[in-house]
């Protein structure tokens, strides 16, 4: 069991980093790069809203040794987060 947990949370298992990043992105922006966040599969990364961003942030969290607080800080200080909301609903629905 311990060896499975070590593999699941290791840098050799890319989906772990992608899932963390996707959830952090959803907490910050209200929508994950991959939706729904609870159904992240092997093919999900390819269908990400911005796959290059998912790849970059996944590599970044590994570089930060999975320091969630540090990555959240980088997201919150990003131009994307600091920008004003347009009020445009990308899904075309109303609240």
PDB file of N, CA and C in Angstrom:
ATOM      1  N   UNK A   1       0.814  -1.189   0.000  1.00  0.00           N
ATOM      2  CA  UNK A   1       0.000   0.000   0.000  1.00  0.00           C
ATOM      3  C   UNK A   1       0.864   1.261   0.000  1.00  0.00           C
ATOM      4  N   UNK A   2       1.918   1.272   0.774  1.00  0.00           N
ATOM      5  CA  UNK A   2       2.795   2.440   0.831  1.00  0.00           C
ATOM      6  C   UNK A   2       3.483   2.675  -0.509  1.00  0.00           C
ATOM      7  N   UNK A   3       3.860   1.595  -1.187  1.00  0.00           N
ATOM      8  CA  UNK A   3       4.523   1.769  -2.486  1.00  0.00           C
ATOM      9  C   UNK A   3       3.550   2.349  -3.512  1.00  0.00           C
ATOM     10  N   UNK A   4       2.277   1.972  -3.449  1.00  0.00           N
ATOM     11  CA  UNK A   4       1.269   2.545  -4.349  1.00  0.00           C
ATOM     12  C   UNK A   4       1.095   4.036  -4.062  1.00  0.00           C
ATOM     13  N   UNK A   5       1.008   4.405  -2.814  1.00  0.00           N
ATOM     14  CA  UNK A   5       0.864   5.817  -2.445  1.00  0.00           C
ATOM     15  C   UNK A   5       2.073   6.625  -2.890  1.00  0.00           C
ATOM     16  N   UNK A   6       3.268   6.056  -2.753  1.00  0.00           N
ATOM     17  CA  UNK A   6       4.478   6.752  -3.196  1.00  0.00           C
ATOM     18  C   UNK A   6       4.470   6.964  -4.701  1.00  0.00           C
ATOM     19  N   UNK A   7       4.036   5.944  -5.455  1.00  0.00           N
ATOM     20  CA  UNK A   7       3.981   6.076  -6.902  1.00  0.00           C
ATOM     21  C   UNK A   7       2.913   7.088  -7.310  1.00  0.00           C
ATOM     22  N   UNK A   8       1.750   7.016  -6.672  1.00  0.00           N
ATOM     23  CA  UNK A   8       0.634   7.886  -7.023  1.00  0.00           C
ATOM     24  C   UNK A   8       0.993   9.355  -6.850  1.00  0.00           C
ATOM     25  N   UNK A   9       1.765   9.674  -5.846  1.00  0.00           N
ATOM     26  CA  UNK A   9       2.115  11.067  -5.554  1.00  0.00           C
ATOM     27  C   UNK A   9       3.495  11.458  -6.054  1.00  0.00           C
ATOM     28  N   UNK A  10       4.110  10.614  -6.861  1.00  0.00           N
ATOM     29  CA  UNK A  10       5.459  10.915  -7.336  1.00  0.00           C
ATOM     30  C   UNK A  10       5.432  11.735  -8.626  1.00  0.00           C
ATOM     31  N   UNK A  11       6.560  12.287  -8.977  1.00  0.00           N
ATOM     32  CA  UNK A  11       6.687  13.038 -10.223  1.00  0.00           C
ATOM     33  C   UNK A  11       6.616  12.117 -11.433  1.00  0.00           C
ATOM     34  N   UNK A  12       6.753  10.814 -11.234  1.00  0.00           N
ATOM     35  CA  UNK A  12       6.632   9.851 -12.330  1.00  0.00           C
ATOM     36  C   UNK A  12       5.170   9.640 -12.726  1.00  0.00           C
ATOM     37  N   UNK A  13       4.263  10.125 -11.938  1.00  0.00           N
ATOM     38  CA  UNK A  13       2.832   9.998 -12.212  1.00  0.00           C
ATOM     39  C   UNK A  13       2.292  11.390 -12.532  1.00  0.00           C
ATOM     40  N   UNK A  14       2.268  11.791 -13.811  1.00  0.00           N
ATOM     41  CA  UNK A  14       1.927  13.178 -14.162  1.00  0.00           C
ATOM     42  C   UNK A  14       0.497  13.586 -13.831  1.00  0.00           C
ATOM     43  N   UNK A  15      -0.425  12.645 -13.767  1.00  0.00           N
ATOM     44  CA  UNK A  15      -1.816  13.008 -13.519  1.00  0.00           C
ATOM     45  C   UNK A  15      -1.992  13.608 -12.130  1.00  0.00           C
ATOM     46  N   UNK A  16      -1.198  13.197 -11.165  1.00  0.00           N
ATOM     47  CA  UNK A  16      -1.294  13.747  -9.809  1.00  0.00           C
ATOM     48  C   UNK A  16      -1.078  15.259  -9.840  1.00  0.00           C
ATOM     49  N   UNK A  17      -0.011  15.702 -10.496  1.00  0.00           N
ATOM     50  CA  UNK A  17       0.276  17.137 -10.597  1.00  0.00           C
ATOM     51  C   UNK A  17      -0.818  17.845 -11.386  1.00  0.00           C
ATOM     52  N   UNK A  18      -1.290  17.239 -12.464  1.00  0.00           N
ATOM     53  CA  UNK A  18      -2.332  17.856 -13.275  1.00  0.00           C
ATOM     54  C   UNK A  18      -3.628  18.023 -12.482  1.00  0.00           C
ATOM     55  N   UNK A  19      -3.985  17.039 -11.698  1.00  0.00           N
ATOM     56  CA  UNK A  19      -5.209  17.122 -10.884  1.00  0.00           C
ATOM     57  C   UNK A  19      -5.112  18.224  -9.843  1.00  0.00           C
ATOM     58  N   UNK A  20      -3.971  18.322  -9.198  1.00  0.00           N
ATOM     59  CA  UNK A  20      -3.781  19.375  -8.192  1.00  0.00           C
ATOM     60  C   UNK A  20      -3.896  20.744  -8.844  1.00  0.00           C
ATOM     61  N   UNK A  21      -3.189  20.916  -9.954  1.00  0.00           N
ATOM     62  CA  UNK A  21      -3.200  22.200 -10.660  1.00  0.00           C
ATOM     63  C   UNK A  21      -4.615  22.542 -11.119  1.00  0.00           C
ATOM     64  N   UNK A  22      -5.316  21.580 -11.653  1.00  0.00           N
ATOM     65  CA  UNK A  22      -6.669  21.817 -12.144  1.00  0.00           C
ATOM     66  C   UNK A  22      -7.589  22.268 -11.009  1.00  0.00           C
ATOM     67  N   UNK A  23      -7.460  21.639  -9.854  1.00  0.00           N
ATOM     68  CA  UNK A  23      -8.286  22.027  -8.705  1.00  0.00           C
ATOM     69  C   UNK A  23      -7.909  23.425  -8.187  1.00  0.00           C
ATOM     70  N   UNK A  24      -6.622  23.733  -8.165  1.00  0.00           N
ATOM     71  CA  UNK A  24      -6.201  25.070  -7.734  1.00  0.00           C
ATOM     72  C   UNK A  24      -6.712  26.138  -8.700  1.00  0.00           C
ATOM     73  N   UNK A  25      -6.668  25.828  -9.988  1.00  0.00           N
ATOM     74  CA  UNK A  25      -7.159  26.767 -10.992  1.00  0.00           C
ATOM     75  C   UNK A  25      -8.661  27.000 -10.802  1.00  0.00           C
ATOM     76  N   UNK A  26      -9.395  25.940 -10.544  1.00  0.00           N
ATOM     77  CA  UNK A  26     -10.836  26.080 -10.326  1.00  0.00           C
ATOM     78  C   UNK A  26     -11.125  26.911  -9.081  1.00  0.00           C
ATOM     79  N   UNK A  27     -10.349  26.711  -8.019  1.00  0.00           N
ATOM     80  CA  UNK A  27     -10.558  27.510  -6.798  1.00  0.00           C
ATOM     81  C   UNK A  27     -10.320  28.993  -7.071  1.00  0.00           C
ATOM     82  N   UNK A  28      -9.351  29.303  -7.925  1.00  0.00           N
ATOM     83  CA  UNK A  28      -9.011  30.690  -8.205  1.00  0.00           C
ATOM     84  C   UNK A  28      -9.975  31.338  -9.205  1.00  0.00           C
ATOM     85  N   UNK A  29     -10.394  30.579 -10.229  1.00  0.00           N
ATOM     86  CA  UNK A  29     -11.151  31.161 -11.330  1.00  0.00           C
ATOM     87  C   UNK A  29     -12.593  30.678 -11.441  1.00  0.00           C
ATOM     88  N   UNK A  30     -12.969  29.702 -10.603  1.00  0.00           N
ATOM     89  CA  UNK A  30     -14.336  29.223 -10.639  1.00  0.00           C
ATOM     90  C   UNK A  30     -14.607  28.157 -11.692  1.00  0.00           C
ATOM     91  N   UNK A  31     -13.631  27.862 -12.504  1.00  0.00           N
ATOM     92  CA  UNK A  31     -13.753  26.846 -13.549  1.00  0.00           C
ATOM     93  C   UNK A  31     -12.380  26.227 -13.759  1.00  0.00           C
ATOM     94  N   UNK A  32     -12.338  24.901 -13.791  1.00  0.00           N
ATOM     95  CA  UNK A  32     -11.079  24.215 -14.010  1.00  0.00           C
ATOM     96  C   UNK A  32     -10.637  24.282 -15.457  1.00  0.00           C
ATOM     97  N   UNK A  33      -9.375  24.034 -15.692  1.00  0.00           N
ATOM     98  CA  UNK A  33      -8.891  23.925 -17.063  1.00  0.00           C
ATOM     99  C   UNK A  33      -9.489  22.696 -17.722  1.00  0.00           C
ATOM    100  N   UNK A  34      -9.800  21.693 -16.913  1.00  0.00           N
ATOM    101  CA  UNK A  34     -10.499  20.484 -17.349  1.00  0.00           C
ATOM    102  C   UNK A  34     -11.731  20.345 -16.472  1.00  0.00           C
ATOM    103  N   UNK A  35     -12.874  20.224 -17.091  1.00  0.00           N
ATOM    104  CA  UNK A  35     -14.128  20.037 -16.355  1.00  0.00           C
ATOM    105  C   UNK A  35     -14.773  18.732 -16.770  1.00  0.00           C
ATOM    106  N   UNK A  36     -15.443  18.077 -15.885  1.00  0.00           N
ATOM    107  CA  UNK A  36     -15.510  18.311 -14.446  1.00  0.00           C
ATOM    108  C   UNK A  36     -14.214  17.868 -13.772  1.00  0.00           C
ATOM    109  N   UNK A  37     -13.826  18.559 -12.729  1.00  0.00           N
ATOM    110  CA  UNK A  37     -12.549  18.282 -12.068  1.00  0.00           C
ATOM    111  C   UNK A  37     -12.515  16.910 -11.412  1.00  0.00           C
ATOM    112  N   UNK A  38     -13.672  16.379 -11.063  1.00  0.00           N
ATOM    113  CA  UNK A  38     -13.726  15.070 -10.402  1.00  0.00           C
ATOM    114  C   UNK A  38     -13.627  13.893 -11.364  1.00  0.00           C
ATOM    115  N   UNK A  39     -13.585  14.165 -12.663  1.00  0.00           N
ATOM    116  CA  UNK A  39     -13.510  13.092 -13.653  1.00  0.00           C
ATOM    117  C   UNK A  39     -12.270  13.255 -14.527  1.00  0.00           C
ATOM    118  N   UNK A  40     -11.142  13.482 -13.923  1.00  0.00           N
ATOM    119  CA  UNK A  40      -9.886  13.675 -14.643  1.00  0.00           C
ATOM    120  C   UNK A  40      -9.351  12.304 -15.069  1.00  0.00           C
ATOM    121  N   UNK A  41      -9.289  12.063 -16.363  1.00  0.00           N
ATOM    122  CA  UNK A  41      -8.841  10.780 -16.909  1.00  0.00           C
ATOM    123  C   UNK A  41      -7.546  10.977 -17.707  1.00  0.00           C
ATOM    124  N   UNK A  42      -6.996   9.892 -18.242  1.00  0.00           N
ATOM    125  CA  UNK A  42      -5.773   9.981 -19.035  1.00  0.00           C
ATOM    126  C   UNK A  42      -5.919  10.934 -20.217  1.00  0.00           C
ATOM    127  N   UNK A  43      -7.060  10.935 -20.867  1.00  0.00           N
ATOM    128  CA  UNK A  43      -7.273  11.781 -22.036  1.00  0.00           C
ATOM    129  C   UNK A  43      -7.693  13.210 -21.677  1.00  0.00           C
ATOM    130  N   UNK A  44      -7.960  13.483 -20.426  1.00  0.00           N
ATOM    131  CA  UNK A  44      -8.461  14.797 -20.002  1.00  0.00           C
ATOM    132  C   UNK A  44      -7.483  15.927 -20.297  1.00  0.00           C
ATOM    133  N   UNK A  45      -6.202  15.678 -20.128  1.00  0.00           N
ATOM    134  CA  UNK A  45      -5.207  16.730 -20.346  1.00  0.00           C
ATOM    135  C   UNK A  45      -5.242  17.217 -21.790  1.00  0.00           C
ATOM    136  N   UNK A  46      -5.554  16.315 -22.712  1.00  0.00           N
ATOM    137  CA  UNK A  46      -5.625  16.702 -24.127  1.00  0.00           C
ATOM    138  C   UNK A  46      -6.836  17.575 -24.410  1.00  0.00           C
ATOM    139  N   UNK A  47      -7.871  17.434 -23.603  1.00  0.00           N
ATOM    140  CA  UNK A  47      -9.086  18.215 -23.820  1.00  0.00           C
ATOM    141  C   UNK A  47      -9.153  19.443 -22.912  1.00  0.00           C
ATOM    142  N   UNK A  48      -8.054  19.788 -22.287  1.00  0.00           N
ATOM    143  CA  UNK A  48      -8.027  20.952 -21.396  1.00  0.00           C
ATOM    144  C   UNK A  48      -8.344  22.217 -22.177  1.00  0.00           C
ATOM    145  N   UNK A  49      -8.933  23.172 -21.488  1.00  0.00           N
ATOM    146  CA  UNK A  49      -9.277  24.440 -22.108  1.00  0.00           C
ATOM    147  C   UNK A  49      -8.018  25.108 -22.689  1.00  0.00           C
ATOM    148  N   UNK A  50      -6.930  25.079 -21.935  1.00  0.00           N
ATOM    149  CA  UNK A  50      -5.640  25.601 -22.400  1.00  0.00           C
ATOM    150  C   UNK A  50      -4.590  24.554 -22.025  1.00  0.00           C
ATOM    151  N   UNK A  51      -4.360  23.559 -22.897  1.00  0.00           N
ATOM    152  CA  UNK A  51      -3.465  22.453 -22.544  1.00  0.00           C
ATOM    153  C   UNK A  51      -2.033  22.891 -22.220  1.00  0.00           C
ATOM    154  N   UNK A  52      -1.560  23.928 -22.897  1.00  0.00           N
ATOM    155  CA  UNK A  52      -0.205  24.418 -22.629  1.00  0.00           C
ATOM    156  C   UNK A  52      -0.092  24.972 -21.209  1.00  0.00           C
ATOM    157  N   UNK A  53      -1.141  25.619 -20.744  1.00  0.00           N
ATOM    158  CA  UNK A  53      -1.140  26.156 -19.382  1.00  0.00           C
ATOM    159  C   UNK A  53      -1.170  25.026 -18.362  1.00  0.00           C
ATOM    160  N   UNK A  54      -1.972  24.010 -18.618  1.00  0.00           N
ATOM    161  CA  UNK A  54      -2.015  22.851 -17.735  1.00  0.00           C
ATOM    162  C   UNK A  54      -0.647  22.188 -17.654  1.00  0.00           C
ATOM    163  N   UNK A  55       0.025  22.039 -18.795  1.00  0.00           N
ATOM    164  CA  UNK A  55       1.374  21.450 -18.814  1.00  0.00           C
ATOM    165  C   UNK A  55       2.359  22.307 -18.030  1.00  0.00           C
ATOM    166  N   UNK A  56       2.320  23.626 -18.273  1.00  0.00           N
ATOM    167  CA  UNK A  56       3.249  24.525 -17.585  1.00  0.00           C
ATOM    168  C   UNK A  56       3.047  24.486 -16.075  1.00  0.00           C
ATOM    169  N   UNK A  57       1.790  24.616 -15.637  1.00  0.00           N
ATOM    170  CA  UNK A  57       1.521  24.634 -14.200  1.00  0.00           C
ATOM    171  C   UNK A  57       1.830  23.292 -13.546  1.00  0.00           C
ATOM    172  N   UNK A  58       1.617  22.207 -14.278  1.00  0.00           N
ATOM    173  CA  UNK A  58       1.952  20.878 -13.745  1.00  0.00           C
ATOM    174  C   UNK A  58       3.457  20.754 -13.531  1.00  0.00           C
ATOM    175  N   UNK A  59       4.235  21.230 -14.484  1.00  0.00           N
ATOM    176  CA  UNK A  59       5.700  21.210 -14.325  1.00  0.00           C
ATOM    177  C   UNK A  59       6.120  22.138 -13.196  1.00  0.00           C
ATOM    178  N   UNK A  60       5.438  23.267 -13.100  1.00  0.00           N
ATOM    179  CA  UNK A  60       5.793  24.257 -12.077  1.00  0.00           C
ATOM    180  C   UNK A  60       5.555  23.710 -10.665  1.00  0.00           C
ATOM    181  N   UNK A  61       4.442  23.021 -10.445  1.00  0.00           N
ATOM    182  CA  UNK A  61       4.178  22.498  -9.095  1.00  0.00           C
ATOM    183  C   UNK A  61       5.182  21.409  -8.734  1.00  0.00           C
ATOM    184  N   UNK A  62       5.646  20.651  -9.728  1.00  0.00           N
ATOM    185  CA  UNK A  62       6.689  19.655  -9.463  1.00  0.00           C
ATOM    186  C   UNK A  62       7.984  20.370  -9.082  1.00  0.00           C
ATOM    187  N   UNK A  63       8.330  21.443  -9.819  1.00  0.00           N
ATOM    188  CA  UNK A  63       9.534  22.227  -9.493  1.00  0.00           C
ATOM    189  C   UNK A  63       9.447  22.804  -8.081  1.00  0.00           C
ATOM    190  N   UNK A  64       8.239  23.136  -7.659  1.00  0.00           N
ATOM    191  CA  UNK A  64       8.028  23.699  -6.319  1.00  0.00           C
ATOM    192  C   UNK A  64       7.888  22.613  -5.258  1.00  0.00           C
ATOM    193  N   UNK A  65       8.164  21.364  -5.636  1.00  0.00           N
ATOM    194  CA  UNK A  65       8.069  20.223  -4.726  1.00  0.00           C
ATOM    195  C   UNK A  65       6.672  20.123  -4.115  1.00  0.00           C
ATOM    196  N   UNK A  66       5.655  20.347  -4.961  1.00  0.00           N
ATOM    197  CA  UNK A  66       4.245  20.256  -4.588  1.00  0.00           C
ATOM    198  C   UNK A  66       3.860  21.221  -3.469  1.00  0.00           C
ATOM    199  N   UNK A  67       4.497  22.389  -3.455  1.00  0.00           N
ATOM    200  CA  UNK A  67       4.153  23.435  -2.487  1.00  0.00           C
ATOM    201  C   UNK A  67       2.922  24.176  -3.012  1.00  0.00           C
ATOM    202  N   UNK A  68       1.759  23.762  -2.552  1.00  0.00           N
ATOM    203  CA  UNK A  68       0.496  24.310  -3.035  1.00  0.00           C
ATOM    204  C   UNK A  68       0.399  25.805  -2.741  1.00  0.00           C
ATOM    205  N   UNK A  69       0.840  26.210  -1.591  1.00  0.00           N
ATOM    206  CA  UNK A  69       0.784  27.630  -1.230  1.00  0.00           C
ATOM    207  C   UNK A  69       1.610  28.481  -2.186  1.00  0.00           C
ATOM    208  N   UNK A  70       2.781  28.004  -2.575  1.00  0.00           N
ATOM    209  CA  UNK A  70       3.631  28.754  -3.495  1.00  0.00           C
ATOM    210  C   UNK A  70       2.985  28.861  -4.878  1.00  0.00           C
ATOM    211  N   UNK A  71       2.394  27.774  -5.347  1.00  0.00           N
ATOM    212  CA  UNK A  71       1.751  27.832  -6.667  1.00  0.00           C
ATOM    213  C   UNK A  71       0.513  28.720  -6.634  1.00  0.00           C
ATOM    214  N   UNK A  72      -0.260  28.638  -5.559  1.00  0.00           N
ATOM    215  CA  UNK A  72      -1.420  29.536  -5.433  1.00  0.00           C
ATOM    216  C   UNK A  72      -0.977  30.990  -5.470  1.00  0.00           C
ATOM    217  N   UNK A  73       0.117  31.288  -4.809  1.00  0.00           N
ATOM    218  CA  UNK A  73       0.639  32.651  -4.815  1.00  0.00           C
ATOM    219  C   UNK A  73       0.999  33.085  -6.234  1.00  0.00           C
ATOM    220  N   UNK A  74       1.625  32.193  -6.994  1.00  0.00           N
ATOM    221  CA  UNK A  74       1.969  32.522  -8.374  1.00  0.00           C
ATOM    222  C   UNK A  74       0.717  32.747  -9.215  1.00  0.00           C
ATOM    223  N   UNK A  75      -0.303  31.916  -9.004  1.00  0.00           N
ATOM    224  CA  UNK A  75      -1.561  32.099  -9.743  1.00  0.00           C
ATOM    225  C   UNK A  75      -2.205  33.429  -9.370  1.00  0.00           C
ATOM    226  N   UNK A  76      -2.260  33.742  -8.074  1.00  0.00           N
ATOM    227  CA  UNK A  76      -2.902  34.972  -7.622  1.00  0.00           C
ATOM    228  C   UNK A  76      -2.149  36.224  -8.059  1.00  0.00           C
ATOM    229  N   UNK A  77      -0.861  36.099  -8.302  1.00  0.00           N
ATOM    230  CA  UNK A  77      -0.073  37.241  -8.761  1.00  0.00           C
ATOM    231  C   UNK A  77       0.050  37.287 -10.286  1.00  0.00           C
ATOM    232  N   UNK A  78      -0.609  36.378 -10.967  1.00  0.00           N
ATOM    233  CA  UNK A  78      -0.536  36.341 -12.425  1.00  0.00           C
ATOM    234  C   UNK A  78      -1.397  37.447 -13.037  1.00  0.00           C
ATOM    235  N   UNK A  79      -1.088  37.772 -14.275  1.00  0.00           N
ATOM    236  CA  UNK A  79      -1.871  38.773 -14.994  1.00  0.00           C
ATOM    237  C   UNK A  79      -3.308  38.277 -15.195  1.00  0.00           C
ATOM    238  N   UNK A  80      -3.469  36.984 -15.420  1.00  0.00           N
ATOM    239  CA  UNK A  80      -4.808  36.425 -15.623  1.00  0.00           C
ATOM    240  C   UNK A  80      -5.684  36.650 -14.389  1.00  0.00           C
ATOM    241  N   UNK A  81      -5.143  36.416 -13.214  1.00  0.00           N
ATOM    242  CA  UNK A  81      -5.932  36.577 -12.003  1.00  0.00           C
ATOM    243  C   UNK A  81      -6.156  38.050 -11.670  1.00  0.00           C
ATOM    244  N   UNK A  82      -5.180  38.882 -11.960  1.00  0.00           N
ATOM    245  CA  UNK A  82      -5.263  40.300 -11.635  1.00  0.00           C
ATOM    246  C   UNK A  82      -6.162  41.076 -12.597  1.00  0.00           C
ATOM    247  N   UNK A  83      -6.507  40.489 -13.730  1.00  0.00           N
ATOM    248  CA  UNK A  83      -7.353  41.157 -14.722  1.00  0.00           C
ATOM    249  C   UNK A  83      -8.777  41.311 -14.213  1.00  0.00           C
ATOM    250  N   UNK A  84      -9.453  42.293 -14.754  1.00  0.00           N
ATOM    251  CA  UNK A  84     -10.851  42.513 -14.401  1.00  0.00           C
ATOM    252  C   UNK A  84     -11.724  41.501 -15.125  1.00  0.00           C
ATOM    253  N   UNK A  85     -12.778  41.119 -14.472  1.00  0.00           N
ATOM    254  CA  UNK A  85     -13.741  40.205 -15.083  1.00  0.00           C
ATOM    255  C   UNK A  85     -14.554  40.962 -16.125  1.00  0.00           C
ATOM    256  N   UNK A  86     -14.828  40.296 -17.231  1.00  0.00           N
ATOM    257  CA  UNK A  86     -15.629  40.925 -18.285  1.00  0.00           C
ATOM    258  C   UNK A  86     -17.111  40.699 -18.066  1.00  0.00           C
ATOM    259  N   UNK A  87     -17.454  39.738 -17.224  1.00  0.00           N
ATOM    260  CA  UNK A  87     -18.845  39.406 -17.029  1.00  0.00           C
ATOM    261  C   UNK A  87     -19.378  38.512 -18.132  1.00  0.00           C
ATOM    262  N   UNK A  88     -18.511  38.118 -19.053  1.00  0.00           N
ATOM    263  CA  UNK A  88     -18.885  37.240 -20.157  1.00  0.00           C
ATOM    264  C   UNK A  88     -18.891  35.798 -19.698  1.00  0.00           C
ATOM    265  N   UNK A  89     -19.979  35.117 -19.966  1.00  0.00           N
ATOM    266  CA  UNK A  89     -20.092  33.713 -19.591  1.00  0.00           C
ATOM    267  C   UNK A  89     -19.627  32.858 -20.770  1.00  0.00           C
ATOM    268  N   UNK A  90     -18.498  32.158 -20.640  1.00  0.00           N
ATOM    269  CA  UNK A  90     -17.973  31.374 -21.767  1.00  0.00           C
ATOM    270  C   UNK A  90     -18.897  30.246 -22.188  1.00  0.00           C
ATOM    271  N   UNK A  91     -19.805  29.823 -21.310  1.00  0.00           N
ATOM    272  CA  UNK A  91     -20.728  28.742 -21.632  1.00  0.00           C
ATOM    273  C   UNK A  91     -21.977  29.272 -22.332  1.00  0.00           C
ATOM    274  N   UNK A  92     -22.179  30.584 -22.295  1.00  0.00           N
ATOM    275  CA  UNK A  92     -23.347  31.153 -22.934  1.00  0.00           C
ATOM    276  C   UNK A  92     -24.629  31.003 -22.145  1.00  0.00           C
ATOM    277  N   UNK A  93     -24.492  30.680 -20.870  1.00  0.00           N
ATOM    278  CA  UNK A  93     -25.668  30.536 -20.024  1.00  0.00           C
ATOM    279  C   UNK A  93     -25.751  31.711 -19.065  1.00  0.00           C
ATOM    280  N   UNK A  94     -26.871  31.891 -18.478  1.00  0.00           N
ATOM    281  CA  UNK A  94     -27.015  32.938 -17.491  1.00  0.00           C
ATOM    282  C   UNK A  94     -27.130  32.327 -16.116  1.00  0.00           C
ATOM    283  N   UNK A  95     -26.713  33.080 -15.127  1.00  0.00           N
ATOM    284  CA  UNK A  95     -26.750  32.576 -13.747  1.00  0.00           C
ATOM    285  C   UNK A  95     -28.098  32.764 -13.131  1.00  0.00           C
TER     286      UNK A  95
END
